Amino acid sequence: MYEYGMWVMAGVNIFVFLVFAFSFTRPRKGRDWRSFGAFSAFIVALFTEMYGFPLTVYLLSGWIGSRFPELSFSHDGGHLWYSLLGLQGDPHQYPIHMVSEWMILGGMIFLAVTWKYLHRAQQKGEVASRGPYARMRHPQYAAFILILTGFLIQWPTLLTVVMYPVLLFMYIHLAGLEEKESLRYFGRDYEVYMESVPKWGVPFRRHNGENGLSSAKK
């Protein structure tokens, strides 16, 4: 079965994920809109190939089609890891797919929890240092990276494979810019926070920042 051309399904998924991302980023500056635009492009490219037209499968079919005859234009054929590894059965039941779903869901939940602490700190005009911010300085970007990684594992495409490192660089760059702004705004308070909490730490590891500063600005 072809199982593509489902543009309504593609549109619904794109809309849901972009609304979700927008609600937790609230872009204001030009760089925020560029970051949101890059994330949006990744999502559009992903679901367009997942439900609309399998561009990656089409381009790869002639190159490696003879070596991997299971690479087809069916929806299951779009699970490239599953196809290229020569696995049999329902790809949705394979550990690769299940791990990717947990990464996407976990990233979304983590982003929602992170936003609660960030928003509370912004309202108070303080350094965000509680909840996820007590474990790492940029949990909001870590959440987006986790979501993108989950999608890339689940449904890799030529476009998303190219866009993924660009987005990683963008998030790392934005994290650095925000730290410079926070240092100018909070001064010594943010310096203490930086000394207490790693930039990209382990979310579930306790650091000194938990009981140190009580808030922060993004």
C-alpha atoms as a PDB file:
ATOM      1  CA  MET A   1       0.000   0.000   0.000  1.00  0.00           C
ATOM      2  CA  TYR A   2       1.194   3.516  -0.819  1.00  0.00           C
ATOM      3  CA  GLU A   3      -0.143   5.041   2.428  1.00  0.00           C
ATOM      4  CA  TYR A   4       0.927   8.598   1.604  1.00  0.00           C
ATOM      5  CA  GLY A   5      -0.832  11.699   0.344  1.00  0.00           C
ATOM      6  CA  MET A   6      -2.471  12.130   3.759  1.00  0.00           C
ATOM      7  CA  TRP A   7      -1.990  15.887   3.786  1.00  0.00           C
ATOM      8  CA  VAL A   8      -4.689  16.501   6.377  1.00  0.00           C
ATOM      9  CA  MET A   9      -2.877  14.183   8.787  1.00  0.00           C
ATOM     10  CA  ALA A  10       0.406  15.944   8.005  1.00  0.00           C
ATOM     11  CA  GLY A  11      -1.178  19.343   8.548  1.00  0.00           C
ATOM     12  CA  VAL A  12      -2.763  18.367  11.861  1.00  0.00           C
ATOM     13  CA  ASN A  13       0.516  17.021  13.244  1.00  0.00           C
ATOM     14  CA  ILE A  14       2.450  20.080  12.080  1.00  0.00           C
ATOM     15  CA  PHE A  15      -0.134  22.389  13.654  1.00  0.00           C
ATOM     16  CA  VAL A  16      -0.180  20.532  16.990  1.00  0.00           C
ATOM     17  CA  PHE A  17       3.593  20.443  17.413  1.00  0.00           C
ATOM     18  CA  LEU A  18       4.120  24.039  16.314  1.00  0.00           C
ATOM     19  CA  VAL A  19       1.432  25.317  18.679  1.00  0.00           C
ATOM     20  CA  PHE A  20       3.005  23.274  21.466  1.00  0.00           C
ATOM     21  CA  ALA A  21       6.475  24.674  20.729  1.00  0.00           C
ATOM     22  CA  PHE A  22       5.198  28.239  20.390  1.00  0.00           C
ATOM     23  CA  SER A  23       3.358  28.096  23.699  1.00  0.00           C
ATOM     24  CA  PHE A  24       6.591  27.248  25.533  1.00  0.00           C
ATOM     25  CA  THR A  25       8.974  29.560  23.660  1.00  0.00           C
ATOM     26  CA  ARG A  26       6.933  32.742  23.195  1.00  0.00           C
ATOM     27  CA  PRO A  27       9.436  34.223  20.676  1.00  0.00           C
ATOM     28  CA  ARG A  28       9.970  37.943  21.047  1.00  0.00           C
ATOM     29  CA  LYS A  29      13.362  38.858  19.620  1.00  0.00           C
ATOM     30  CA  GLY A  30      14.560  38.214  16.103  1.00  0.00           C
ATOM     31  CA  ARG A  31      16.835  35.382  17.199  1.00  0.00           C
ATOM     32  CA  ASP A  32      13.888  33.740  19.007  1.00  0.00           C
ATOM     33  CA  TRP A  33      11.848  33.825  15.826  1.00  0.00           C
ATOM     34  CA  ARG A  34      14.765  32.393  13.839  1.00  0.00           C
ATOM     35  CA  SER A  35      15.071  29.547  16.325  1.00  0.00           C
ATOM     36  CA  PHE A  36      11.340  28.889  16.192  1.00  0.00           C
ATOM     37  CA  GLY A  37      11.432  29.095  12.400  1.00  0.00           C
ATOM     38  CA  ALA A  38      14.217  26.517  12.193  1.00  0.00           C
ATOM     39  CA  PHE A  39      12.327  24.172  14.527  1.00  0.00           C
ATOM     40  CA  SER A  40       9.177  24.717  12.446  1.00  0.00           C
ATOM     41  CA  ALA A  41      11.053  23.859   9.240  1.00  0.00           C
ATOM     42  CA  PHE A  42      12.259  20.608  10.835  1.00  0.00           C
ATOM     43  CA  ILE A  43       8.706  19.673  11.864  1.00  0.00           C
ATOM     44  CA  VAL A  44       7.231  20.555   8.463  1.00  0.00           C
ATOM     45  CA  ALA A  45       9.901  18.532   6.624  1.00  0.00           C
ATOM     46  CA  LEU A  46       9.381  15.591   8.985  1.00  0.00           C
ATOM     47  CA  PHE A  47       5.600  15.257   8.764  1.00  0.00           C
ATOM     48  CA  THR A  48       5.499  16.130   5.065  1.00  0.00           C
ATOM     49  CA  GLU A  49       7.579  13.013   4.391  1.00  0.00           C
ATOM     50  CA  MET A  50       5.879  10.955   7.075  1.00  0.00           C
ATOM     51  CA  TYR A  51       2.351  11.441   5.695  1.00  0.00           C
ATOM     52  CA  GLY A  52       2.577  13.486   2.491  1.00  0.00           C
ATOM     53  CA  PHE A  53       5.280  12.381   0.056  1.00  0.00           C
ATOM     54  CA  PRO A  54       8.238  10.072   0.910  1.00  0.00           C
ATOM     55  CA  LEU A  55      10.947  12.159  -0.760  1.00  0.00           C
ATOM     56  CA  THR A  56      13.816  10.435   1.038  1.00  0.00           C
ATOM     57  CA  VAL A  57      12.591   6.933   0.162  1.00  0.00           C
ATOM     58  CA  TYR A  58      12.067   8.049  -3.435  1.00  0.00           C
ATOM     59  CA  LEU A  59      15.618   9.419  -3.727  1.00  0.00           C
ATOM     60  CA  LEU A  60      17.214   6.445  -1.993  1.00  0.00           C
ATOM     61  CA  SER A  61      15.219   3.752  -3.797  1.00  0.00           C
ATOM     62  CA  GLY A  62      17.297   3.948  -6.968  1.00  0.00           C
ATOM     63  CA  TRP A  63      20.619   4.132  -5.132  1.00  0.00           C
ATOM     64  CA  ILE A  64      20.223   1.333  -2.621  1.00  0.00           C
ATOM     65  CA  GLY A  65      16.961  -0.233  -3.750  1.00  0.00           C
ATOM     66  CA  SER A  66      18.668  -3.307  -5.195  1.00  0.00           C
ATOM     67  CA  ARG A  67      20.565  -3.912  -1.956  1.00  0.00           C
ATOM     68  CA  PHE A  68      17.566  -3.268   0.271  1.00  0.00           C
ATOM     69  CA  PRO A  69      14.477  -4.533  -1.605  1.00  0.00           C
ATOM     70  CA  GLU A  70      12.394  -4.042   1.538  1.00  0.00           C
ATOM     71  CA  LEU A  71      12.761  -0.271   1.051  1.00  0.00           C
ATOM     72  CA  SER A  72       9.295   0.497  -0.268  1.00  0.00           C
ATOM     73  CA  PHE A  73       6.871   3.369  -0.681  1.00  0.00           C
ATOM     74  CA  SER A  74       4.645   2.030   2.077  1.00  0.00           C
ATOM     75  CA  HIS A  75       4.400   3.845   5.384  1.00  0.00           C
ATOM     76  CA  ASP A  76       6.422   1.073   7.047  1.00  0.00           C
ATOM     77  CA  GLY A  77       9.142   1.613   4.445  1.00  0.00           C
ATOM     78  CA  GLY A  78       9.560   5.142   5.753  1.00  0.00           C
ATOM     79  CA  HIS A  79      10.990   3.735   8.987  1.00  0.00           C
ATOM     80  CA  LEU A  80      14.456   3.757   7.454  1.00  0.00           C
ATOM     81  CA  TRP A  81      16.343   2.262  10.402  1.00  0.00           C
ATOM     82  CA  TYR A  82      13.956  -0.663  10.390  1.00  0.00           C
ATOM     83  CA  SER A  83      14.209  -1.124   6.628  1.00  0.00           C
ATOM     84  CA  LEU A  84      17.966  -0.730   6.328  1.00  0.00           C
ATOM     85  CA  LEU A  85      18.583  -3.173   9.181  1.00  0.00           C
ATOM     86  CA  GLY A  86      16.478  -5.759   7.361  1.00  0.00           C
ATOM     87  CA  LEU A  87      14.070  -6.269  10.262  1.00  0.00           C
ATOM     88  CA  GLN A  88      10.727  -8.011   9.924  1.00  0.00           C
ATOM     89  CA  GLY A  89       7.306  -7.336  11.411  1.00  0.00           C
ATOM     90  CA  ASP A  90       5.649  -4.137  12.587  1.00  0.00           C
ATOM     91  CA  PRO A  91       8.268  -1.352  12.915  1.00  0.00           C
ATOM     92  CA  HIS A  92       6.092   0.390  15.507  1.00  0.00           C
ATOM     93  CA  GLN A  93       6.762  -2.513  17.889  1.00  0.00           C
ATOM     94  CA  TYR A  94      10.527  -2.437  17.460  1.00  0.00           C
ATOM     95  CA  PRO A  95      12.653  -0.961  20.320  1.00  0.00           C
ATOM     96  CA  ILE A  96      14.010   1.811  18.067  1.00  0.00           C
ATOM     97  CA  HIS A  97      10.517   3.196  17.561  1.00  0.00           C
ATOM     98  CA  MET A  98       9.534   2.779  21.199  1.00  0.00           C
ATOM     99  CA  VAL A  99      12.692   4.517  22.429  1.00  0.00           C
ATOM    100  CA  SER A 100      12.064   7.412  20.052  1.00  0.00           C
ATOM    101  CA  GLU A 101       8.502   7.787  21.321  1.00  0.00           C
ATOM    102  CA  TRP A 102       9.699   7.887  24.932  1.00  0.00           C
ATOM    103  CA  MET A 103      12.270  10.532  23.988  1.00  0.00           C
ATOM    104  CA  ILE A 104       9.648  12.683  22.264  1.00  0.00           C
ATOM    105  CA  LEU A 105       7.102  12.318  25.060  1.00  0.00           C
ATOM    106  CA  GLY A 106       9.740  12.773  27.753  1.00  0.00           C
ATOM    107  CA  GLY A 107      11.074  15.892  26.035  1.00  0.00           C
ATOM    108  CA  MET A 108       7.593  17.395  25.809  1.00  0.00           C
ATOM    109  CA  ILE A 109       6.846  16.717  29.477  1.00  0.00           C
ATOM    110  CA  PHE A 110      10.262  18.024  30.512  1.00  0.00           C
ATOM    111  CA  LEU A 111       9.711  21.194  28.468  1.00  0.00           C
ATOM    112  CA  ALA A 112       6.333  21.788  30.102  1.00  0.00           C
ATOM    113  CA  VAL A 113       7.783  21.328  33.598  1.00  0.00           C
ATOM    114  CA  THR A 114      10.731  23.575  32.744  1.00  0.00           C
ATOM    115  CA  TRP A 115       8.469  26.353  31.486  1.00  0.00           C
ATOM    116  CA  LYS A 116       6.585  26.433  34.790  1.00  0.00           C
ATOM    117  CA  TYR A 117       9.746  27.218  36.750  1.00  0.00           C
ATOM    118  CA  LEU A 118      11.082  29.637  34.130  1.00  0.00           C
ATOM    119  CA  HIS A 119       7.812  31.563  33.921  1.00  0.00           C
ATOM    120  CA  ARG A 120       7.576  31.817  37.703  1.00  0.00           C
ATOM    121  CA  ALA A 121      11.127  33.176  37.890  1.00  0.00           C
ATOM    122  CA  GLN A 122      10.520  35.671  35.085  1.00  0.00           C
ATOM    123  CA  GLN A 123       7.473  37.039  36.890  1.00  0.00           C
ATOM    124  CA  LYS A 124       9.611  37.645  39.985  1.00  0.00           C
ATOM    125  CA  GLY A 125      12.521  39.036  37.980  1.00  0.00           C
ATOM    126  CA  GLU A 126      14.925  36.515  39.469  1.00  0.00           C
ATOM    127  CA  VAL A 127      17.379  33.864  38.275  1.00  0.00           C
ATOM    128  CA  ALA A 128      15.634  30.551  37.555  1.00  0.00           C
ATOM    129  CA  SER A 129      17.465  28.124  39.812  1.00  0.00           C
ATOM    130  CA  ARG A 130      14.790  25.715  40.993  1.00  0.00           C
ATOM    131  CA  GLY A 131      13.349  22.544  39.498  1.00  0.00           C
ATOM    132  CA  PRO A 132      15.170  21.564  36.292  1.00  0.00           C
ATOM    133  CA  TYR A 133      17.221  24.771  36.513  1.00  0.00           C
ATOM    134  CA  ALA A 134      18.886  23.424  39.641  1.00  0.00           C
ATOM    135  CA  ARG A 135      20.372  20.596  37.539  1.00  0.00           C
ATOM    136  CA  MET A 136      21.292  22.371  34.294  1.00  0.00           C
ATOM    137  CA  ARG A 137      21.310  25.964  33.129  1.00  0.00           C
ATOM    138  CA  HIS A 138      19.426  25.409  29.870  1.00  0.00           C
ATOM    139  CA  PRO A 139      16.822  22.670  30.364  1.00  0.00           C
ATOM    140  CA  GLN A 140      14.433  24.273  27.862  1.00  0.00           C
ATOM    141  CA  TYR A 141      16.922  23.804  25.032  1.00  0.00           C
ATOM    142  CA  ALA A 142      17.832  20.335  26.305  1.00  0.00           C
ATOM    143  CA  ALA A 143      14.137  19.428  26.039  1.00  0.00           C
ATOM    144  CA  PHE A 144      13.947  20.608  22.425  1.00  0.00           C
ATOM    145  CA  ILE A 145      17.119  18.676  21.575  1.00  0.00           C
ATOM    146  CA  LEU A 146      15.628  15.539  23.129  1.00  0.00           C
ATOM    147  CA  ILE A 147      12.435  15.941  21.085  1.00  0.00           C
ATOM    148  CA  LEU A 148      14.350  16.506  17.845  1.00  0.00           C
ATOM    149  CA  THR A 149      16.607  13.532  18.529  1.00  0.00           C
ATOM    150  CA  GLY A 150      13.573  11.327  19.127  1.00  0.00           C
ATOM    151  CA  PHE A 151      12.026  12.389  15.825  1.00  0.00           C
ATOM    152  CA  LEU A 152      15.300  11.873  13.971  1.00  0.00           C
ATOM    153  CA  ILE A 153      15.638   8.344  15.350  1.00  0.00           C
ATOM    154  CA  GLN A 154      12.029   7.490  14.579  1.00  0.00           C
ATOM    155  CA  TRP A 155      11.790   8.893  11.057  1.00  0.00           C
ATOM    156  CA  PRO A 156      15.104  10.066   9.553  1.00  0.00           C
ATOM    157  CA  THR A 157      14.921  11.982   6.284  1.00  0.00           C
ATOM    158  CA  LEU A 158      17.569  13.640   4.148  1.00  0.00           C
ATOM    159  CA  LEU A 159      16.292  17.096   5.105  1.00  0.00           C
ATOM    160  CA  THR A 160      15.996  16.477   8.844  1.00  0.00           C
ATOM    161  CA  VAL A 161      19.431  14.819   8.982  1.00  0.00           C
ATOM    162  CA  VAL A 162      20.903  18.005   7.470  1.00  0.00           C
ATOM    163  CA  MET A 163      18.819  20.333   9.655  1.00  0.00           C
ATOM    164  CA  TYR A 164      19.486  18.516  12.942  1.00  0.00           C
ATOM    165  CA  PRO A 165      23.110  19.695  13.473  1.00  0.00           C
ATOM    166  CA  VAL A 166      22.089  23.218  12.419  1.00  0.00           C
ATOM    167  CA  LEU A 167      19.452  23.265  15.144  1.00  0.00           C
ATOM    168  CA  LEU A 168      21.904  21.873  17.697  1.00  0.00           C
ATOM    169  CA  PHE A 169      24.368  24.661  16.873  1.00  0.00           C
ATOM    170  CA  MET A 170      21.578  27.232  17.080  1.00  0.00           C
ATOM    171  CA  TYR A 171      20.429  26.095  20.526  1.00  0.00           C
ATOM    172  CA  ILE A 172      23.984  26.002  21.871  1.00  0.00           C
ATOM    173  CA  HIS A 173      24.624  29.469  20.437  1.00  0.00           C
ATOM    174  CA  LEU A 174      21.396  30.846  21.911  1.00  0.00           C
ATOM    175  CA  ALA A 175      22.292  29.399  25.303  1.00  0.00           C
ATOM    176  CA  GLY A 176      25.583  31.286  25.215  1.00  0.00           C
ATOM    177  CA  LEU A 177      23.911  34.555  24.229  1.00  0.00           C
ATOM    178  CA  GLU A 178      21.324  34.238  26.986  1.00  0.00           C
ATOM    179  CA  GLU A 179      24.037  33.636  29.562  1.00  0.00           C
ATOM    180  CA  LYS A 180      25.801  36.853  28.537  1.00  0.00           C
ATOM    181  CA  GLU A 181      22.527  38.759  28.865  1.00  0.00           C
ATOM    182  CA  SER A 182      21.820  37.192  32.242  1.00  0.00           C
ATOM    183  CA  LEU A 183      25.281  38.154  33.490  1.00  0.00           C
ATOM    184  CA  ARG A 184      24.649  41.769  32.499  1.00  0.00           C
ATOM    185  CA  TYR A 185      21.195  41.757  34.078  1.00  0.00           C
ATOM    186  CA  PHE A 186      21.786  39.765  37.292  1.00  0.00           C
ATOM    187  CA  GLY A 187      25.499  40.309  37.790  1.00  0.00           C
ATOM    188  CA  ARG A 188      27.028  38.391  40.674  1.00  0.00           C
ATOM    189  CA  ASP A 189      23.839  36.380  41.304  1.00  0.00           C
ATOM    190  CA  TYR A 190      24.123  34.742  37.914  1.00  0.00           C
ATOM    191  CA  GLU A 191      27.856  34.176  38.355  1.00  0.00           C
ATOM    192  CA  VAL A 192      27.111  32.221  41.531  1.00  0.00           C
ATOM    193  CA  TYR A 193      24.444  30.266  39.666  1.00  0.00           C
ATOM    194  CA  MET A 194      26.891  29.415  36.864  1.00  0.00           C
ATOM    195  CA  GLU A 195      29.438  28.223  39.409  1.00  0.00           C
ATOM    196  CA  SER A 196      26.839  25.984  41.079  1.00  0.00           C
ATOM    197  CA  VAL A 197      25.022  24.432  38.109  1.00  0.00           C
ATOM    198  CA  PRO A 198      26.527  22.902  34.918  1.00  0.00           C
ATOM    199  CA  LYS A 199      25.509  24.253  31.535  1.00  0.00           C
ATOM    200  CA  TRP A 200      24.315  20.920  30.164  1.00  0.00           C
ATOM    201  CA  GLY A 201      24.118  18.754  33.274  1.00  0.00           C
ATOM    202  CA  VAL A 202      22.159  15.636  34.086  1.00  0.00           C
ATOM    203  CA  PRO A 203      18.544  16.656  34.894  1.00  0.00           C
ATOM    204  CA  PHE A 204      18.172  14.224  37.783  1.00  0.00           C
ATOM    205  CA  ARG A 205      21.480  14.951  39.478  1.00  0.00           C
ATOM    206  CA  ARG A 206      21.363  17.325  42.435  1.00  0.00           C
ATOM    207  CA  HIS A 207      23.595  20.410  42.392  1.00  0.00           C
ATOM    208  CA  ASN A 208      24.258  23.267  44.748  1.00  0.00           C
ATOM    209  CA  GLY A 209      21.928  25.546  42.833  1.00  0.00           C
ATOM    210  CA  GLU A 210      18.847  23.819  44.257  1.00  0.00           C
ATOM    211  CA  ASN A 211      18.995  25.725  47.514  1.00  0.00           C
ATOM    212  CA  GLY A 212      21.098  28.640  46.308  1.00  0.00           C
ATOM    213  CA  LEU A 213      19.454  31.198  44.080  1.00  0.00           C
ATOM    214  CA  SER A 214      15.719  31.218  44.081  1.00  0.00           C
ATOM    215  CA  SER A 215      14.946  32.403  40.576  1.00  0.00           C
ATOM    216  CA  ALA A 216      16.104  33.644  37.165  1.00  0.00           C
ATOM    217  CA  LYS A 217      15.394  35.306  33.918  1.00  0.00           C
ATOM    218  CA  LYS A 218      15.698  33.358  30.692  1.00  0.00           C
END
